[in-house]
C-alpha atoms as a PDB file:
ATOM      1  CA  MET A   1      43.880  19.247  64.399  1.00  0.00           C
ATOM      2  CA  THR A   2      43.147  15.607  65.071  1.00  0.00           C
ATOM      3  CA  GLY A   3      43.373  12.842  62.495  1.00  0.00           C
ATOM      4  CA  ASP A   4      39.597  12.642  62.220  1.00  0.00           C
ATOM      5  CA  GLU A   5      39.345  16.374  61.592  1.00  0.00           C
ATOM      6  CA  ARG A   6      42.035  16.215  58.884  1.00  0.00           C
ATOM      7  CA  SER A   7      40.229  13.282  57.253  1.00  0.00           C
ATOM      8  CA  SER A   8      36.923  15.155  57.374  1.00  0.00           C
ATOM      9  CA  THR A   9      38.577  18.210  55.829  1.00  0.00           C
ATOM     10  CA  ARG A  10      40.038  16.156  52.984  1.00  0.00           C
ATOM     11  CA  ILE A  11      36.642  14.580  52.300  1.00  0.00           C
ATOM     12  CA  GLY A  12      35.037  18.017  52.293  1.00  0.00           C
ATOM     13  CA  TRP A  13      37.532  19.369  49.775  1.00  0.00           C
ATOM     14  CA  ALA A  14      37.132  16.266  47.620  1.00  0.00           C
ATOM     15  CA  LYS A  15      33.381  16.806  47.516  1.00  0.00           C
ATOM     16  CA  ARG A  16      33.860  20.456  46.604  1.00  0.00           C
ATOM     17  CA  ILE A  17      36.288  19.615  43.822  1.00  0.00           C
ATOM     18  CA  PHE A  18      33.952  16.930  42.480  1.00  0.00           C
ATOM     19  CA  LEU A  19      30.954  19.279  42.530  1.00  0.00           C
ATOM     20  CA  GLY A  20      33.075  22.013  40.945  1.00  0.00           C
ATOM     21  CA  VAL A  21      34.038  19.706  38.088  1.00  0.00           C
ATOM     22  CA  LEU A  22      30.380  18.774  37.593  1.00  0.00           C
ATOM     23  CA  VAL A  23      29.338  22.437  37.538  1.00  0.00           C
ATOM     24  CA  ILE A  24      32.063  23.393  35.054  1.00  0.00           C
ATOM     25  CA  ALA A  25      31.147  20.424  32.853  1.00  0.00           C
ATOM     26  CA  GLY A  26      27.467  21.370  33.007  1.00  0.00           C
ATOM     27  CA  ILE A  27      28.143  25.007  32.083  1.00  0.00           C
ATOM     28  CA  ALA A  28      30.417  23.915  29.239  1.00  0.00           C
ATOM     29  CA  LEU A  29      27.749  21.512  27.975  1.00  0.00           C
ATOM     30  CA  PHE A  30      24.995  24.154  28.037  1.00  0.00           C
ATOM     31  CA  VAL A  31      27.204  26.731  26.297  1.00  0.00           C
ATOM     32  CA  SER A  32      28.257  24.227  23.610  1.00  0.00           C
ATOM     33  CA  LEU A  33      24.622  23.311  22.968  1.00  0.00           C
ATOM     34  CA  GLY A  34      23.754  26.998  22.647  1.00  0.00           C
ATOM     35  CA  ILE A  35      26.579  27.538  20.162  1.00  0.00           C
ATOM     36  CA  TRP A  36      25.449  24.476  18.204  1.00  0.00           C
ATOM     37  CA  GLN A  37      21.934  25.929  17.980  1.00  0.00           C
ATOM     38  CA  LEU A  38      23.393  29.190  16.656  1.00  0.00           C
ATOM     39  CA  HIS A  39      25.136  27.196  13.929  1.00  0.00           C
ATOM     40  CA  ARG A  40      21.819  25.481  13.195  1.00  0.00           C
ATOM     41  CA  LEU A  41      20.145  28.891  13.031  1.00  0.00           C
ATOM     42  CA  ALA A  42      22.641  30.105  10.434  1.00  0.00           C
ATOM     43  CA  TRP A  43      22.132  26.905   8.424  1.00  0.00           C
ATOM     44  CA  LYS A  44      18.330  27.224   8.580  1.00  0.00           C
ATOM     45  CA  LEU A  45      18.366  30.875   7.509  1.00  0.00           C
ATOM     46  CA  ASP A  46      20.614  29.990   4.584  1.00  0.00           C
ATOM     47  CA  LEU A  47      18.272  27.143   3.626  1.00  0.00           C
ATOM     48  CA  ILE A  48      15.242  29.452   3.721  1.00  0.00           C
ATOM     49  CA  ARG A  49      17.070  31.986   1.542  1.00  0.00           C
ATOM     50  CA  ILE A  50      18.024  29.305  -1.004  1.00  0.00           C
ATOM     51  CA  VAL A  51      14.492  27.895  -1.188  1.00  0.00           C
ATOM     52  CA  ASP A  52      13.011  31.391  -1.570  1.00  0.00           C
ATOM     53  CA  GLU A  53      15.360  31.957  -4.513  1.00  0.00           C
ATOM     54  CA  ARG A  54      14.270  28.658  -6.075  1.00  0.00           C
ATOM     55  CA  LEU A  55      10.594  29.531  -5.693  1.00  0.00           C
ATOM     56  CA  ALA A  56      11.131  32.892  -7.384  1.00  0.00           C
ATOM     57  CA  ALA A  57      13.214  31.523 -10.263  1.00  0.00           C
ATOM     58  CA  GLU A  58      11.952  30.683 -13.731  1.00  0.00           C
ATOM     59  CA  PRO A  59      11.134  26.972 -14.226  1.00  0.00           C
ATOM     60  CA  VAL A  60      13.813  24.754 -15.746  1.00  0.00           C
ATOM     61  CA  ASP A  61      13.563  21.371 -17.441  1.00  0.00           C
ATOM     62  CA  ALA A  62      12.861  18.562 -14.974  1.00  0.00           C
ATOM     63  CA  PRO A  63      16.010  16.476 -14.358  1.00  0.00           C
ATOM     64  CA  GLY A  64      16.470  13.503 -16.694  1.00  0.00           C
ATOM     65  CA  PRO A  65      17.971  10.098 -15.894  1.00  0.00           C
ATOM     66  CA  SER A  66      21.557  11.307 -16.223  1.00  0.00           C
ATOM     67  CA  SER A  67      20.995  13.722 -13.313  1.00  0.00           C
ATOM     68  CA  TRP A  68      19.143  11.359 -10.984  1.00  0.00           C
ATOM     69  CA  PRO A  69      22.171   9.983  -9.095  1.00  0.00           C
ATOM     70  CA  GLU A  70      23.137  13.503  -7.974  1.00  0.00           C
ATOM     71  CA  LEU A  71      19.666  14.611  -6.857  1.00  0.00           C
ATOM     72  CA  SER A  72      19.352  15.635  -3.204  1.00  0.00           C
ATOM     73  CA  ALA A  73      16.987  17.553  -0.987  1.00  0.00           C
ATOM     74  CA  ALA A  74      19.654  20.156  -0.227  1.00  0.00           C
ATOM     75  CA  ASN A  75      20.381  20.898  -3.881  1.00  0.00           C
ATOM     76  CA  ASP A  76      17.094  20.252  -5.664  1.00  0.00           C
ATOM     77  CA  ALA A  77      14.020  20.307  -3.417  1.00  0.00           C
ATOM     78  CA  TYR A  78      11.460  22.988  -4.348  1.00  0.00           C
ATOM     79  CA  ARG A  79      13.091  23.868  -7.662  1.00  0.00           C
ATOM     80  CA  ARG A  80      10.556  25.091 -10.187  1.00  0.00           C
ATOM     81  CA  VAL A  81      10.515  22.691 -13.122  1.00  0.00           C
ATOM     82  CA  ARG A  82       8.600  22.199 -16.340  1.00  0.00           C
ATOM     83  CA  ILE A  83       7.899  18.969 -18.138  1.00  0.00           C
ATOM     84  CA  SER A  84       6.040  18.014 -21.317  1.00  0.00           C
ATOM     85  CA  GLY A  85       4.233  14.803 -22.207  1.00  0.00           C
ATOM     86  CA  HIS A  86       0.963  13.137 -21.254  1.00  0.00           C
ATOM     87  CA  PHE A  87      -0.639  11.315 -18.354  1.00  0.00           C
ATOM     88  CA  THR A  88      -0.704   7.548 -18.690  1.00  0.00           C
ATOM     89  CA  ASP A  89      -3.775   5.376 -18.265  1.00  0.00           C
ATOM     90  CA  ALA A  90      -2.481   4.004 -14.938  1.00  0.00           C
ATOM     91  CA  PRO A  91      -4.857   4.747 -12.046  1.00  0.00           C
ATOM     92  CA  PRO A  92      -3.913   7.573  -9.672  1.00  0.00           C
ATOM     93  CA  ALA A  93      -2.628   7.011  -6.161  1.00  0.00           C
ATOM     94  CA  PHE A  94      -4.694   8.868  -3.592  1.00  0.00           C
ATOM     95  CA  VAL A  95      -2.387  10.008  -0.792  1.00  0.00           C
ATOM     96  CA  GLN A  96      -4.039  11.184   2.413  1.00  0.00           C
ATOM     97  CA  ALA A  97      -3.476  14.874   3.067  1.00  0.00           C
ATOM     98  CA  VAL A  98      -4.688  17.813   5.116  1.00  0.00           C
ATOM     99  CA  THR A  99      -4.536  21.216   3.435  1.00  0.00           C
ATOM    100  CA  GLN A 100      -6.026  24.672   3.823  1.00  0.00           C
ATOM    101  CA  LEU A 101      -9.083  23.208   2.076  1.00  0.00           C
ATOM    102  CA  GLY A 102      -9.494  20.532   4.731  1.00  0.00           C
ATOM    103  CA  PRO A 103      -8.822  16.780   4.809  1.00  0.00           C
ATOM    104  CA  GLY A 104      -8.672  14.773   1.618  1.00  0.00           C
ATOM    105  CA  PHE A 105      -6.128  13.373  -0.815  1.00  0.00           C
ATOM    106  CA  TRP A 106      -3.287  14.306  -3.107  1.00  0.00           C
ATOM    107  CA  VAL A 107      -3.873  12.899  -6.594  1.00  0.00           C
ATOM    108  CA  VAL A 108      -0.579  11.394  -7.760  1.00  0.00           C
ATOM    109  CA  GLU A 109      -0.511  10.133 -11.347  1.00  0.00           C
ATOM    110  CA  PRO A 110       2.170   8.808 -13.715  1.00  0.00           C
ATOM    111  CA  PHE A 111       3.184  11.206 -16.478  1.00  0.00           C
ATOM    112  CA  GLN A 112       4.982   9.958 -19.578  1.00  0.00           C
ATOM    113  CA  THR A 113       7.419  12.634 -20.652  1.00  0.00           C
ATOM    114  CA  ASP A 114       8.338  13.342 -24.255  1.00  0.00           C
ATOM    115  CA  ARG A 115      11.950  12.699 -23.171  1.00  0.00           C
ATOM    116  CA  GLY A 116      11.249   9.014 -22.584  1.00  0.00           C
ATOM    117  CA  PHE A 117      10.929   8.685 -18.803  1.00  0.00           C
ATOM    118  CA  VAL A 118       8.040   8.682 -16.350  1.00  0.00           C
ATOM    119  CA  VAL A 119       7.477  11.176 -13.545  1.00  0.00           C
ATOM    120  CA  LEU A 120       4.849  11.047 -10.841  1.00  0.00           C
ATOM    121  CA  ILE A 121       2.837  14.252 -10.887  1.00  0.00           C
ATOM    122  CA  ASN A 122       0.906  15.422  -7.843  1.00  0.00           C
ATOM    123  CA  ARG A 123      -1.969  16.987  -9.743  1.00  0.00           C
ATOM    124  CA  GLY A 124      -3.334  18.564  -6.589  1.00  0.00           C
ATOM    125  CA  PHE A 125      -5.855  18.144  -3.808  1.00  0.00           C
ATOM    126  CA  VAL A 126      -9.331  16.602  -3.758  1.00  0.00           C
ATOM    127  CA  THR A 127     -11.797  15.957  -0.965  1.00  0.00           C
ATOM    128  CA  LYS A 128     -13.021  12.428  -0.262  1.00  0.00           C
ATOM    129  CA  VAL A 129     -16.225  13.061  -2.208  1.00  0.00           C
ATOM    130  CA  GLU A 130     -14.330  14.554  -5.148  1.00  0.00           C
ATOM    131  CA  ALA A 131     -11.979  11.572  -5.178  1.00  0.00           C
ATOM    132  CA  GLU A 132     -14.928   9.240  -5.698  1.00  0.00           C
ATOM    133  CA  HIS A 133     -15.975  11.159  -8.823  1.00  0.00           C
ATOM    134  CA  LEU A 134     -12.631  12.372 -10.091  1.00  0.00           C
ATOM    135  CA  PRO A 135     -12.490  12.984 -13.843  1.00  0.00           C
ATOM    136  CA  VAL A 136      -9.884  11.034 -15.779  1.00  0.00           C
ATOM    137  CA  ALA A 137      -6.657  12.943 -16.290  1.00  0.00           C
ATOM    138  CA  PRO A 138      -6.320  14.472 -19.763  1.00  0.00           C
ATOM    139  CA  SER A 139      -4.510  12.174 -22.192  1.00  0.00           C
ATOM    140  CA  ASP A 140      -3.509  14.947 -24.593  1.00  0.00           C
ATOM    141  CA  ASP A 141       0.029  16.254 -24.735  1.00  0.00           C
ATOM    142  CA  LEU A 142       0.505  19.100 -22.321  1.00  0.00           C
ATOM    143  CA  ALA A 143       3.147  20.956 -20.330  1.00  0.00           C
ATOM    144  CA  VAL A 144       3.175  20.897 -16.540  1.00  0.00           C
ATOM    145  CA  THR A 145       5.058  23.289 -14.299  1.00  0.00           C
ATOM    146  CA  GLY A 146       5.519  22.808 -10.604  1.00  0.00           C
ATOM    147  CA  LEU A 147       7.902  22.158  -7.746  1.00  0.00           C
ATOM    148  CA  LEU A 148      10.353  19.288  -7.683  1.00  0.00           C
ATOM    149  CA  ARG A 149       9.822  17.303  -4.498  1.00  0.00           C
ATOM    150  CA  ILE A 150      11.944  14.594  -2.949  1.00  0.00           C
ATOM    151  CA  THR A 151      10.292  11.225  -2.316  1.00  0.00           C
ATOM    152  CA  GLU A 152       8.593  10.598   1.037  1.00  0.00           C
ATOM    153  CA  PRO A 153       9.306   6.921   1.778  1.00  0.00           C
ATOM    154  CA  GLY A 154       7.496   4.740   4.277  1.00  0.00           C
ATOM    155  CA  GLY A 155       4.349   6.602   5.199  1.00  0.00           C
ATOM    156  CA  ALA A 156       3.222   8.992   7.907  1.00  0.00           C
ATOM    157  CA  PHE A 157       3.592   8.985  11.677  1.00  0.00           C
ATOM    158  CA  LEU A 158       2.274   5.649  13.018  1.00  0.00           C
ATOM    159  CA  ARG A 159       0.815   4.791   9.595  1.00  0.00           C
ATOM    160  CA  SER A 160       2.739   2.878   6.959  1.00  0.00           C
ATOM    161  CA  ASN A 161       1.911   2.870   3.271  1.00  0.00           C
ATOM    162  CA  ASP A 162      -0.028  -0.197   2.172  1.00  0.00           C
ATOM    163  CA  PRO A 163       0.718  -0.804  -1.532  1.00  0.00           C
ATOM    164  CA  VAL A 164      -1.286  -4.043  -1.582  1.00  0.00           C
ATOM    165  CA  GLY A 165      -4.377  -2.294  -0.237  1.00  0.00           C
ATOM    166  CA  ASP A 166      -3.587   0.839  -2.289  1.00  0.00           C
ATOM    167  CA  ARG A 167      -3.639   3.004   0.841  1.00  0.00           C
ATOM    168  CA  TRP A 168      -1.092   5.788   0.856  1.00  0.00           C
ATOM    169  CA  TYR A 169      -0.027   8.155   3.616  1.00  0.00           C
ATOM    170  CA  SER A 170       3.019   9.675   1.929  1.00  0.00           C
ATOM    171  CA  ARG A 171       4.189  10.276  -1.608  1.00  0.00           C
ATOM    172  CA  ASP A 172       6.603   7.365  -1.729  1.00  0.00           C
ATOM    173  CA  VAL A 173       7.814   7.500  -5.323  1.00  0.00           C
ATOM    174  CA  ALA A 174       9.446   4.063  -5.473  1.00  0.00           C
ATOM    175  CA  ALA A 175       6.514   2.275  -3.808  1.00  0.00           C
ATOM    176  CA  ILE A 176       3.848   3.980  -5.935  1.00  0.00           C
ATOM    177  CA  ALA A 177       5.821   3.383  -9.135  1.00  0.00           C
ATOM    178  CA  LYS A 178       6.228  -0.302  -8.268  1.00  0.00           C
ATOM    179  CA  ALA A 179       2.533  -0.656  -7.404  1.00  0.00           C
ATOM    180  CA  ARG A 180       1.626   0.862 -10.773  1.00  0.00           C
ATOM    181  CA  GLY A 181       4.126  -1.305 -12.676  1.00  0.00           C
ATOM    182  CA  LEU A 182       6.186   1.651 -13.869  1.00  0.00           C
ATOM    183  CA  GLU A 183       9.673   1.067 -15.217  1.00  0.00           C
ATOM    184  CA  GLY A 184      12.358   3.744 -15.046  1.00  0.00           C
ATOM    185  CA  ALA A 185      10.331   6.255 -13.061  1.00  0.00           C
ATOM    186  CA  ALA A 186      12.098   9.376 -11.831  1.00  0.00           C
ATOM    187  CA  PRO A 187      13.138   9.270  -8.144  1.00  0.00           C
ATOM    188  CA  TYR A 188      11.215  12.479  -7.448  1.00  0.00           C
ATOM    189  CA  PHE A 189       7.697  13.785  -7.953  1.00  0.00           C
ATOM    190  CA  VAL A 190       6.387  17.165  -9.079  1.00  0.00           C
ATOM    191  CA  ASP A 191       3.773  19.230  -7.271  1.00  0.00           C
ATOM    192  CA  ALA A 192       1.781  20.792 -10.103  1.00  0.00           C
ATOM    193  CA  ASP A 193       1.264  24.503  -9.625  1.00  0.00           C
ATOM    194  CA  ALA A 194      -1.991  26.395  -9.815  1.00  0.00           C
ATOM    195  CA  SER A 195      -1.655  26.966 -13.561  1.00  0.00           C
ATOM    196  CA  ALA A 196      -2.401  23.271 -14.066  1.00  0.00           C
ATOM    197  CA  THR A 197      -5.710  23.609 -12.230  1.00  0.00           C
ATOM    198  CA  SER A 198      -8.873  23.685 -14.329  1.00  0.00           C
ATOM    199  CA  ALA A 199     -12.388  24.475 -13.211  1.00  0.00           C
ATOM    200  CA  GLU A 200     -12.657  20.906 -11.932  1.00  0.00           C
ATOM    201  CA  PRO A 201     -10.621  19.238  -9.188  1.00  0.00           C
ATOM    202  CA  PRO A 202      -7.898  18.493  -8.301  1.00  0.00           C
ATOM    203  CA  VAL A 203      -6.657  21.843  -6.988  1.00  0.00           C
ATOM    204  CA  GLY A 204      -2.963  22.446  -7.625  1.00  0.00           C
ATOM    205  CA  GLY A 205      -0.552  24.955  -6.178  1.00  0.00           C
ATOM    206  CA  LEU A 206      -1.170  24.084  -2.527  1.00  0.00           C
ATOM    207  CA  THR A 207       2.395  23.173  -1.618  1.00  0.00           C
ATOM    208  CA  VAL A 208       3.256  24.562   1.797  1.00  0.00           C
ATOM    209  CA  VAL A 209       6.891  25.599   2.088  1.00  0.00           C
ATOM    210  CA  ASN A 210       7.434  26.098   5.784  1.00  0.00           C
ATOM    211  CA  PHE A 211      10.605  25.441   7.746  1.00  0.00           C
ATOM    212  CA  ARG A 212      10.402  25.367  11.520  1.00  0.00           C
ATOM    213  CA  ASN A 213      12.957  27.792  12.878  1.00  0.00           C
ATOM    214  CA  HIS A 214      13.138  27.794  16.675  1.00  0.00           C
ATOM    215  CA  HIS A 215      16.911  27.576  16.892  1.00  0.00           C
ATOM    216  CA  LEU A 216      17.326  31.053  18.406  1.00  0.00           C
ATOM    217  CA  VAL A 217      14.873  30.176  21.180  1.00  0.00           C
ATOM    218  CA  TYR A 218      16.720  26.914  21.806  1.00  0.00           C
ATOM    219  CA  ALA A 219      20.070  28.722  21.875  1.00  0.00           C
ATOM    220  CA  LEU A 220      18.817  31.304  24.384  1.00  0.00           C
ATOM    221  CA  THR A 221      17.408  28.472  26.511  1.00  0.00           C
ATOM    222  CA  TRP A 222      20.750  26.674  26.674  1.00  0.00           C
ATOM    223  CA  PHE A 223      22.660  29.898  27.395  1.00  0.00           C
ATOM    224  CA  GLY A 224      20.093  30.763  30.052  1.00  0.00           C
ATOM    225  CA  LEU A 225      20.594  27.402  31.738  1.00  0.00           C
ATOM    226  CA  ALA A 226      24.349  27.992  31.734  1.00  0.00           C
ATOM    227  CA  VAL A 227      23.852  31.390  33.408  1.00  0.00           C
ATOM    228  CA  MET A 228      21.423  29.920  35.947  1.00  0.00           C
ATOM    229  CA  LEU A 229      23.816  27.123  36.847  1.00  0.00           C
ATOM    230  CA  ALA A 230      26.694  29.577  37.248  1.00  0.00           C
ATOM    231  CA  GLY A 231      24.545  31.912  39.365  1.00  0.00           C
ATOM    232  CA  TRP A 232      23.301  29.048  41.533  1.00  0.00           C
ATOM    233  CA  THR A 233      26.884  27.889  42.089  1.00  0.00           C
ATOM    234  CA  ILE A 234      28.063  31.386  43.081  1.00  0.00           C
ATOM    235  CA  TYR A 235      25.147  31.717  45.495  1.00  0.00           C
ATOM    236  CA  LEU A 236      25.970  28.378  47.153  1.00  0.00           C
ATOM    237  CA  LEU A 237      29.641  29.290  47.472  1.00  0.00           C
ATOM    238  CA  ARG A 238      28.785  32.571  49.176  1.00  0.00           C
ATOM    239  CA  PHE A 239      26.259  30.845  51.441  1.00  0.00           C
ATOM    240  CA  ARG A 240      28.839  28.229  52.443  1.00  0.00           C
ATOM    241  CA  ARG A 241      31.465  30.906  53.070  1.00  0.00           C
ATOM    242  CA  GLU A 242      29.105  32.796  55.364  1.00  0.00           C
ATOM    243  CA  ALA A 243      28.291  29.544  57.163  1.00  0.00           C
ATOM    244  CA  ASP A 244      31.998  28.798  57.665  1.00  0.00           C
ATOM    245  CA  ARG A 245      32.571  32.260  59.107  1.00  0.00           C
ATOM    246  CA  LYS A 246      29.845  31.758  61.648  1.00  0.00           C
END
């Protein structure tokens, strides 16, 4: 074997080793991503189970100021709560929404609790026409039950809340409370349930609890890519071996 042939052979083996490392790294990456999606699947199923239990539970007192620092979406979102007091005379915030009833607004109003703090209550849904003729919220003492929701800061996709123009695209508790001059408002809001709905709008109880769960599909996709890469590599190795024999 001449020097050129030996050099060519070394280069060929170097290329094979390099490609082999890339293939092994690719397979390892795809498998690790598939395993990660399986972990995400287990987490999502556990989350769905927890939320279902919260939705089926009896309502509890809405968290007071002493509990606010510990509130989190993982531990408190969608808990059924009850709260007593009265709506204030502050004007509602109309937050753009699309529901099973069509496009319109959530009616979010300050509620003075008999425990001394203020909570924003999402009274429910109204259409644009109904919003223009919305009756004033009752000022009498009453009890509201509903779902505790975590604030939605900022706005919606490509649309930011405009407190100065009183245009709202998300239920941003801090921004709405500041725009209404509320002091000591709770860092969450409550979606009033259907029991708070009278014959007139707004319509309560329209909260959609839906968690996207495509993790199994994603996991199978990553594992499938790993299998395809391994199969493609085996095919090329066999093809090259046959070529070398010839």
